[in-house]
Amino acid sequence: MEMILCGHATLPASKVIFDEYQTKENVIEYSSRSGILQALRRGKHIALDFPLDKYVIMHNSTNVLNAVGITDYICIVRSINTKSL
């Protein structure tokens, strides 16, 4: 079962792969529903490069914002993959 992408487990898993398995590579690629996530070794640090989610602009969706008390906004977008605002 594939989980929704999150970095909470990816970061420590990458640390184990880099350190315990002593891989010579500086990049680990994880495949997810959102796309390819890369863990990049940067000296003693690890950077996570998350895939960019595609989005759509939601026109005439002020009812959604008014329902949660937001009255001042520039644009409303929704993720195509997760359906989140």
Protein backbone atom coordinates (compact mmCIF):
# COMPACT_ATOMS: atom_id res chain seq x y z
CA MET A 1 0.00 0.00 0.00
CA GLU A 2 1.40 3.36 -1.00
CA MET A 3 1.06 6.15 1.53
CA ILE A 4 0.56 9.84 0.85
CA LEU A 5 3.98 11.45 0.60
CA CYS A 6 5.45 12.91 3.76
CA GLY A 7 9.00 13.60 4.90
CA HIS A 8 8.70 12.38 8.47
CA ALA A 9 9.80 8.83 7.64
CA THR A 10 11.75 9.67 4.49
CA LEU A 11 14.38 11.74 6.26
CA PRO A 12 15.41 9.11 8.85
CA ALA A 13 15.19 6.33 6.25
CA SER A 14 17.58 8.31 4.05
CA LYS A 15 19.94 8.83 7.00
CA VAL A 16 20.07 5.05 7.56
CA ILE A 17 20.70 4.35 3.88
CA PHE A 18 23.44 6.98 3.63
CA ASP A 19 25.16 6.16 6.93
CA GLU A 20 24.51 2.52 7.82
CA TYR A 21 24.62 1.12 4.29
CA GLN A 22 27.46 3.53 3.45
CA THR A 23 26.21 4.17 -0.05
CA LYS A 24 28.58 6.17 -2.23
CA GLU A 25 25.67 7.87 -4.01
CA ASN A 26 24.69 11.40 -2.95
CA VAL A 27 21.09 11.07 -4.14
CA ILE A 28 18.36 8.60 -3.18
CA GLU A 29 15.17 8.63 -5.24
CA TYR A 30 11.83 7.53 -3.81
CA SER A 31 8.85 6.88 -6.07
CA SER A 32 5.44 8.05 -4.83
CA ARG A 33 1.97 8.86 -6.11
CA SER A 34 3.04 12.51 -6.13
CA GLY A 35 6.13 11.82 -8.21
CA ILE A 36 9.82 11.34 -7.49
CA LEU A 37 11.14 12.58 -4.14
CA GLN A 38 14.89 12.98 -3.85
CA ALA A 39 16.99 12.86 -0.70
CA LEU A 40 20.28 14.65 -1.34
CA ARG A 41 23.36 14.26 0.84
CA ARG A 42 24.91 17.68 1.50
CA GLY A 43 27.92 17.11 3.74
CA LYS A 44 26.53 16.16 7.16
CA HIS A 45 23.03 17.24 6.14
CA ILE A 46 20.24 15.70 4.06
CA ALA A 47 17.96 17.84 1.90
CA LEU A 48 14.59 16.56 0.69
CA ASP A 49 13.40 17.71 -2.73
CA PHE A 50 9.66 17.09 -2.88
CA PRO A 51 7.87 16.79 -6.21
CA LEU A 52 5.84 19.81 -7.23
CA ASP A 53 2.15 19.05 -7.16
CA LYS A 54 0.05 20.28 -10.06
CA TYR A 55 -2.84 22.53 -9.14
CA VAL A 56 -5.92 24.19 -10.58
CA ILE A 57 -7.23 27.65 -9.83
CA MET A 58 -10.65 27.53 -8.21
CA HIS A 59 -12.81 30.35 -9.52
CA ASN A 60 -15.96 31.43 -7.67
CA SER A 61 -15.04 29.44 -4.55
CA THR A 62 -15.50 32.23 -2.04
CA ASN A 63 -18.10 30.13 -0.22
CA VAL A 64 -15.35 27.75 0.87
CA LEU A 65 -13.22 30.55 2.27
CA ASN A 66 -16.14 32.34 3.90
CA ALA A 67 -17.12 29.10 5.61
CA VAL A 68 -13.77 28.99 7.42
CA GLY A 69 -13.66 32.73 8.09
CA ILE A 70 -11.16 33.82 5.42
CA THR A 71 -12.17 37.10 3.80
CA ASP A 72 -8.86 38.44 2.45
CA TYR A 73 -7.11 36.33 -0.19
CA ILE A 74 -5.35 36.59 -3.54
CA CYS A 75 -6.10 33.28 -5.24
CA ILE A 76 -7.60 29.90 -4.38
CA VAL A 77 -5.85 26.80 -5.73
CA ARG A 78 -6.56 23.10 -5.29
CA SER A 79 -4.11 20.25 -5.62
CA ILE A 80 -4.96 17.94 -8.50
CA ASN A 81 -3.53 14.87 -6.71
CA THR A 82 -4.66 15.40 -3.12
CA LYS A 83 -7.70 17.61 -3.77
CA SER A 84 -6.49 19.84 -0.89
CA LEU A 85 -6.79 23.65 -0.96
